[in-house]
Amino acid sequence: MEYFKNLLSLPPIYYTFAILSVLTLFGALGTIMSRNPVHSVIYMIVTFFSLSAHYILLNAQFLAAVNIIVYAGAIMVLFLFVIMFLNMRQEAEEMKKEKIIITAVITAIVLGTVLIIFLRRAEREPVNPYTYNSQSGMVEVLGKSLYGEYLLPFELISILLLAAMAGAVMLAKREAGERHF
């Protein structure tokens, strides 16, 4: 009885977090368990939107907006385009479902156990309301950090992505009869 009283006395943010977490898990499970690839993409969009809501709860509005624009928008349109382009109706040879299910269950148990062990060992520092920076997830603070303290890694990543893009174009533009690189 005492447990239910404590549960009912929680602030609304905890209920919001719990509902969003259930929605995220529902979307993730729907993504991997759906037989129809288009339904999997729709479940993945639900997962991305609920993760964006988690970002908003963490006061990271910029990351929430980028997650919605980039992932739920552009990447999902790309996935839908590829699925429709490949015409997934043609079934490939059947895989052994029992082996896949057993492997998935064992992997989930191992990863869940590791997660629980690390979460129990983690030290939780109480938040001091007097020193807490409420602007920590805002665009201005993120920009100052990205273009100040982390400028070199940011530029190196951009060069790496540029090289990867050039390599992908070179691989895609091979002439007929041309040898492998």
C-alpha atoms as a PDB file:
ATOM      1  CA  MET A   1       0.000   0.000   0.000  1.00  0.00           C
ATOM      2  CA  GLU A   2       2.854   2.346   0.837  1.00  0.00           C
ATOM      3  CA  TYR A   3       4.359   1.627  -2.590  1.00  0.00           C
ATOM      4  CA  PHE A   4       1.228   2.832  -4.395  1.00  0.00           C
ATOM      5  CA  LYS A   5       1.093   5.996  -2.299  1.00  0.00           C
ATOM      6  CA  ASN A   6       4.694   6.753  -3.237  1.00  0.00           C
ATOM      7  CA  LEU A   7       3.935   5.958  -6.872  1.00  0.00           C
ATOM      8  CA  LEU A   8       0.978   8.331  -6.943  1.00  0.00           C
ATOM      9  CA  SER A   9       2.959  11.139  -5.318  1.00  0.00           C
ATOM     10  CA  LEU A  10       5.567  11.306  -8.108  1.00  0.00           C
ATOM     11  CA  PRO A  11       5.820  14.454 -10.236  1.00  0.00           C
ATOM     12  CA  PRO A  12       4.143  14.337 -13.680  1.00  0.00           C
ATOM     13  CA  ILE A  13       7.510  14.271 -15.463  1.00  0.00           C
ATOM     14  CA  TYR A  14       8.041  10.696 -14.223  1.00  0.00           C
ATOM     15  CA  TYR A  15       4.748   9.584 -15.731  1.00  0.00           C
ATOM     16  CA  THR A  16       5.640  11.298 -19.002  1.00  0.00           C
ATOM     17  CA  PHE A  17       8.997   9.541 -19.017  1.00  0.00           C
ATOM     18  CA  ALA A  18       7.367   6.167 -18.326  1.00  0.00           C
ATOM     19  CA  ILE A  19       4.790   6.601 -21.101  1.00  0.00           C
ATOM     20  CA  LEU A  20       7.462   7.709 -23.581  1.00  0.00           C
ATOM     21  CA  SER A  21       9.678   4.787 -22.599  1.00  0.00           C
ATOM     22  CA  VAL A  22       6.872   2.291 -23.199  1.00  0.00           C
ATOM     23  CA  LEU A  23       6.134   3.952 -26.545  1.00  0.00           C
ATOM     24  CA  THR A  24       9.818   3.794 -27.507  1.00  0.00           C
ATOM     25  CA  LEU A  25      10.023   0.104 -26.629  1.00  0.00           C
ATOM     26  CA  PHE A  26       6.782  -0.588 -28.507  1.00  0.00           C
ATOM     27  CA  GLY A  27       8.160   1.146 -31.601  1.00  0.00           C
ATOM     28  CA  ALA A  28      11.509  -0.634 -31.395  1.00  0.00           C
ATOM     29  CA  LEU A  29       9.890  -4.050 -30.955  1.00  0.00           C
ATOM     30  CA  GLY A  30       7.481  -3.319 -33.794  1.00  0.00           C
ATOM     31  CA  THR A  31      10.423  -2.358 -36.006  1.00  0.00           C
ATOM     32  CA  ILE A  32      12.223  -5.644 -35.565  1.00  0.00           C
ATOM     33  CA  MET A  33       9.198  -7.944 -35.316  1.00  0.00           C
ATOM     34  CA  SER A  34       7.078  -6.656 -38.194  1.00  0.00           C
ATOM     35  CA  ARG A  35       7.044  -8.838 -41.290  1.00  0.00           C
ATOM     36  CA  ASN A  36       6.114  -5.982 -43.599  1.00  0.00           C
ATOM     37  CA  PRO A  37       9.110  -3.660 -44.273  1.00  0.00           C
ATOM     38  CA  VAL A  38       6.892  -0.598 -44.681  1.00  0.00           C
ATOM     39  CA  HIS A  39       5.331  -1.252 -41.267  1.00  0.00           C
ATOM     40  CA  SER A  40       8.841  -1.601 -39.826  1.00  0.00           C
ATOM     41  CA  VAL A  41       9.722   1.843 -41.155  1.00  0.00           C
ATOM     42  CA  ILE A  42       6.553   3.319 -39.649  1.00  0.00           C
ATOM     43  CA  TYR A  43       7.355   1.750 -36.279  1.00  0.00           C
ATOM     44  CA  MET A  44      10.866   3.178 -36.572  1.00  0.00           C
ATOM     45  CA  ILE A  45       9.379   6.646 -37.130  1.00  0.00           C
ATOM     46  CA  VAL A  46       7.332   6.191 -33.927  1.00  0.00           C
ATOM     47  CA  THR A  47      10.561   5.256 -32.137  1.00  0.00           C
ATOM     48  CA  PHE A  48      12.363   8.341 -33.451  1.00  0.00           C
ATOM     49  CA  PHE A  49       9.540  10.660 -32.404  1.00  0.00           C
ATOM     50  CA  SER A  50       9.415   9.192 -28.912  1.00  0.00           C
ATOM     51  CA  LEU A  51      13.205   9.507 -28.626  1.00  0.00           C
ATOM     52  CA  SER A  52      12.868  13.144 -29.660  1.00  0.00           C
ATOM     53  CA  ALA A  53      10.365  13.585 -26.839  1.00  0.00           C
ATOM     54  CA  HIS A  54      12.958  12.096 -24.482  1.00  0.00           C
ATOM     55  CA  TYR A  55      15.443  14.704 -25.734  1.00  0.00           C
ATOM     56  CA  ILE A  56      12.922  17.421 -24.925  1.00  0.00           C
ATOM     57  CA  LEU A  57      12.556  16.023 -21.407  1.00  0.00           C
ATOM     58  CA  LEU A  58      16.345  16.263 -21.097  1.00  0.00           C
ATOM     59  CA  ASN A  59      16.228  19.935 -22.167  1.00  0.00           C
ATOM     60  CA  ALA A  60      17.980  19.218 -25.477  1.00  0.00           C
ATOM     61  CA  GLN A  61      15.567  20.840 -27.909  1.00  0.00           C
ATOM     62  CA  PHE A  62      18.135  21.139 -30.687  1.00  0.00           C
ATOM     63  CA  LEU A  63      18.855  17.412 -30.641  1.00  0.00           C
ATOM     64  CA  ALA A  64      15.119  16.708 -30.680  1.00  0.00           C
ATOM     65  CA  ALA A  65      14.623  18.908 -33.740  1.00  0.00           C
ATOM     66  CA  VAL A  66      17.619  17.408 -35.545  1.00  0.00           C
ATOM     67  CA  ASN A  67      16.421  13.902 -34.717  1.00  0.00           C
ATOM     68  CA  ILE A  68      13.000  14.627 -36.205  1.00  0.00           C
ATOM     69  CA  ILE A  69      14.312  16.454 -39.289  1.00  0.00           C
ATOM     70  CA  VAL A  70      17.210  14.161 -40.134  1.00  0.00           C
ATOM     71  CA  TYR A  71      16.123  10.723 -38.978  1.00  0.00           C
ATOM     72  CA  ALA A  72      12.336  10.747 -38.946  1.00  0.00           C
ATOM     73  CA  GLY A  73      12.289  12.869 -42.085  1.00  0.00           C
ATOM     74  CA  ALA A  74      15.133  12.283 -44.485  1.00  0.00           C
ATOM     75  CA  ILE A  75      16.425   8.851 -43.490  1.00  0.00           C
ATOM     76  CA  MET A  76      12.964   7.298 -43.277  1.00  0.00           C
ATOM     77  CA  VAL A  77      12.044   8.660 -46.715  1.00  0.00           C
ATOM     78  CA  LEU A  78      15.261   7.109 -47.999  1.00  0.00           C
ATOM     79  CA  PHE A  79      14.404   3.774 -46.351  1.00  0.00           C
ATOM     80  CA  LEU A  80      10.912   3.798 -47.854  1.00  0.00           C
ATOM     81  CA  PHE A  81      12.360   4.628 -51.268  1.00  0.00           C
ATOM     82  CA  VAL A  82      14.850   1.746 -51.074  1.00  0.00           C
ATOM     83  CA  ILE A  83      12.183  -0.696 -49.868  1.00  0.00           C
ATOM     84  CA  MET A  84       9.855   0.232 -52.704  1.00  0.00           C
ATOM     85  CA  PHE A  85      12.724   0.243 -55.208  1.00  0.00           C
ATOM     86  CA  LEU A  86      13.874  -3.253 -54.243  1.00  0.00           C
ATOM     87  CA  ASN A  87      10.349  -4.701 -54.326  1.00  0.00           C
ATOM     88  CA  MET A  88      10.615  -6.802 -51.177  1.00  0.00           C
ATOM     89  CA  ARG A  89       7.659  -9.008 -52.107  1.00  0.00           C
ATOM     90  CA  GLN A  90       9.926 -11.650 -53.553  1.00  0.00           C
ATOM     91  CA  GLU A  91      10.738 -13.954 -50.673  1.00  0.00           C
ATOM     92  CA  ALA A  92      14.295 -15.141 -50.219  1.00  0.00           C
ATOM     93  CA  GLU A  93      15.056 -18.573 -48.846  1.00  0.00           C
ATOM     94  CA  GLU A  94      13.590 -19.129 -45.406  1.00  0.00           C
ATOM     95  CA  MET A  95      15.923 -18.827 -42.461  1.00  0.00           C
ATOM     96  CA  LYS A  96      15.680 -21.096 -39.468  1.00  0.00           C
ATOM     97  CA  LYS A  97      13.322 -19.196 -37.191  1.00  0.00           C
ATOM     98  CA  GLU A  98      14.068 -21.267 -34.111  1.00  0.00           C
ATOM     99  CA  LYS A  99      17.784 -20.466 -34.279  1.00  0.00           C
ATOM    100  CA  ILE A 100      17.084 -16.769 -34.758  1.00  0.00           C
ATOM    101  CA  ILE A 101      14.664 -16.658 -31.825  1.00  0.00           C
ATOM    102  CA  ILE A 102      17.042 -18.534 -29.521  1.00  0.00           C
ATOM    103  CA  THR A 103      19.947 -16.273 -30.511  1.00  0.00           C
ATOM    104  CA  ALA A 104      17.811 -13.143 -30.000  1.00  0.00           C
ATOM    105  CA  VAL A 105      16.626 -14.277 -26.562  1.00  0.00           C
ATOM    106  CA  ILE A 106      20.156 -15.147 -25.418  1.00  0.00           C
ATOM    107  CA  THR A 107      21.493 -11.822 -26.700  1.00  0.00           C
ATOM    108  CA  ALA A 108      18.684  -9.902 -24.985  1.00  0.00           C
ATOM    109  CA  ILE A 109      19.298 -11.685 -21.678  1.00  0.00           C
ATOM    110  CA  VAL A 110      23.054 -11.046 -21.803  1.00  0.00           C
ATOM    111  CA  LEU A 111      22.670  -7.371 -22.766  1.00  0.00           C
ATOM    112  CA  GLY A 112      19.920  -6.856 -20.177  1.00  0.00           C
ATOM    113  CA  THR A 113      22.071  -8.419 -17.471  1.00  0.00           C
ATOM    114  CA  VAL A 114      25.063  -6.243 -18.382  1.00  0.00           C
ATOM    115  CA  LEU A 115      22.835  -3.140 -18.402  1.00  0.00           C
ATOM    116  CA  ILE A 116      21.374  -3.955 -14.992  1.00  0.00           C
ATOM    117  CA  ILE A 117      24.840  -4.616 -13.534  1.00  0.00           C
ATOM    118  CA  PHE A 118      26.201  -1.307 -14.810  1.00  0.00           C
ATOM    119  CA  LEU A 119      23.144   0.660 -13.717  1.00  0.00           C
ATOM    120  CA  ARG A 120      23.385  -0.739 -10.188  1.00  0.00           C
ATOM    121  CA  ARG A 121      27.079   0.153  -9.982  1.00  0.00           C
ATOM    122  CA  ALA A 122      26.594   3.659 -11.358  1.00  0.00           C
ATOM    123  CA  GLU A 123      26.945   6.462  -8.889  1.00  0.00           C
ATOM    124  CA  ARG A 124      24.089   8.907  -8.939  1.00  0.00           C
ATOM    125  CA  GLU A 125      25.004  12.458  -8.108  1.00  0.00           C
ATOM    126  CA  PRO A 126      22.167  14.598  -6.807  1.00  0.00           C
ATOM    127  CA  VAL A 127      21.396  17.665  -8.882  1.00  0.00           C
ATOM    128  CA  ASN A 128      22.126  20.910  -7.122  1.00  0.00           C
ATOM    129  CA  PRO A 129      19.409  23.388  -8.181  1.00  0.00           C
ATOM    130  CA  TYR A 130      21.671  26.353  -7.404  1.00  0.00           C
ATOM    131  CA  THR A 131      24.491  25.329  -9.772  1.00  0.00           C
ATOM    132  CA  TYR A 132      22.407  23.611 -12.445  1.00  0.00           C
ATOM    133  CA  ASN A 133      22.704  25.220 -15.882  1.00  0.00           C
ATOM    134  CA  SER A 134      19.265  25.176 -17.486  1.00  0.00           C
ATOM    135  CA  GLN A 135      20.750  26.224 -20.836  1.00  0.00           C
ATOM    136  CA  SER A 136      22.903  23.103 -21.191  1.00  0.00           C
ATOM    137  CA  GLY A 137      21.032  21.600 -24.159  1.00  0.00           C
ATOM    138  CA  MET A 138      20.316  24.794 -26.038  1.00  0.00           C
ATOM    139  CA  VAL A 139      21.702  25.626 -29.473  1.00  0.00           C
ATOM    140  CA  GLU A 140      23.896  28.506 -28.318  1.00  0.00           C
ATOM    141  CA  VAL A 141      25.725  26.411 -25.717  1.00  0.00           C
ATOM    142  CA  LEU A 142      26.019  23.490 -28.153  1.00  0.00           C
ATOM    143  CA  GLY A 143      27.434  25.768 -30.866  1.00  0.00           C
ATOM    144  CA  LYS A 144      29.979  27.341 -28.525  1.00  0.00           C
ATOM    145  CA  SER A 145      31.099  23.896 -27.396  1.00  0.00           C
ATOM    146  CA  LEU A 146      31.188  22.440 -30.914  1.00  0.00           C
ATOM    147  CA  TYR A 147      33.033  25.340 -32.546  1.00  0.00           C
ATOM    148  CA  GLY A 148      35.226  26.093 -29.547  1.00  0.00           C
ATOM    149  CA  GLU A 149      36.446  23.174 -27.512  1.00  0.00           C
ATOM    150  CA  TYR A 150      35.656  20.493 -30.125  1.00  0.00           C
ATOM    151  CA  LEU A 151      36.543  22.342 -33.350  1.00  0.00           C
ATOM    152  CA  LEU A 152      39.368  20.004 -34.412  1.00  0.00           C
ATOM    153  CA  PRO A 153      37.378  16.740 -33.993  1.00  0.00           C
ATOM    154  CA  PHE A 154      34.407  18.375 -35.756  1.00  0.00           C
ATOM    155  CA  GLU A 155      36.543  19.331 -38.761  1.00  0.00           C
ATOM    156  CA  LEU A 156      38.262  15.928 -38.867  1.00  0.00           C
ATOM    157  CA  ILE A 157      34.876  14.194 -38.937  1.00  0.00           C
ATOM    158  CA  SER A 158      33.758  16.457 -41.782  1.00  0.00           C
ATOM    159  CA  ILE A 159      36.888  15.501 -43.797  1.00  0.00           C
ATOM    160  CA  LEU A 160      36.256  11.819 -43.040  1.00  0.00           C
ATOM    161  CA  LEU A 161      32.635  12.107 -44.228  1.00  0.00           C
ATOM    162  CA  LEU A 162      33.768  13.937 -47.368  1.00  0.00           C
ATOM    163  CA  ALA A 163      36.263  11.149 -48.160  1.00  0.00           C
ATOM    164  CA  ALA A 164      33.586   8.502 -47.545  1.00  0.00           C
ATOM    165  CA  MET A 165      31.191  10.340 -49.856  1.00  0.00           C
ATOM    166  CA  ALA A 166      33.837  10.575 -52.593  1.00  0.00           C
ATOM    167  CA  GLY A 167      34.581   6.848 -52.190  1.00  0.00           C
ATOM    168  CA  ALA A 168      30.899   5.968 -52.456  1.00  0.00           C
ATOM    169  CA  VAL A 169      30.583   8.029 -55.639  1.00  0.00           C
ATOM    170  CA  MET A 170      33.672   6.336 -57.107  1.00  0.00           C
ATOM    171  CA  LEU A 171      32.279   2.883 -56.330  1.00  0.00           C
ATOM    172  CA  ALA A 172      28.875   3.737 -57.766  1.00  0.00           C
ATOM    173  CA  LYS A 173      30.236   5.288 -60.984  1.00  0.00           C
ATOM    174  CA  ARG A 174      32.325   2.293 -62.116  1.00  0.00           C
ATOM    175  CA  GLU A 175      32.310   1.735 -65.866  1.00  0.00           C
ATOM    176  CA  ALA A 176      31.187  -1.602 -67.277  1.00  0.00           C
ATOM    177  CA  GLY A 177      34.202  -3.911 -67.606  1.00  0.00           C
ATOM    178  CA  GLU A 178      36.276  -1.876 -65.156  1.00  0.00           C
ATOM    179  CA  ARG A 179      38.273  -3.863 -62.596  1.00  0.00           C
ATOM    180  CA  HIS A 180      37.834  -3.605 -58.838  1.00  0.00           C
ATOM    181  CA  PHE A 181      39.947  -0.976 -57.088  1.00  0.00           C
END
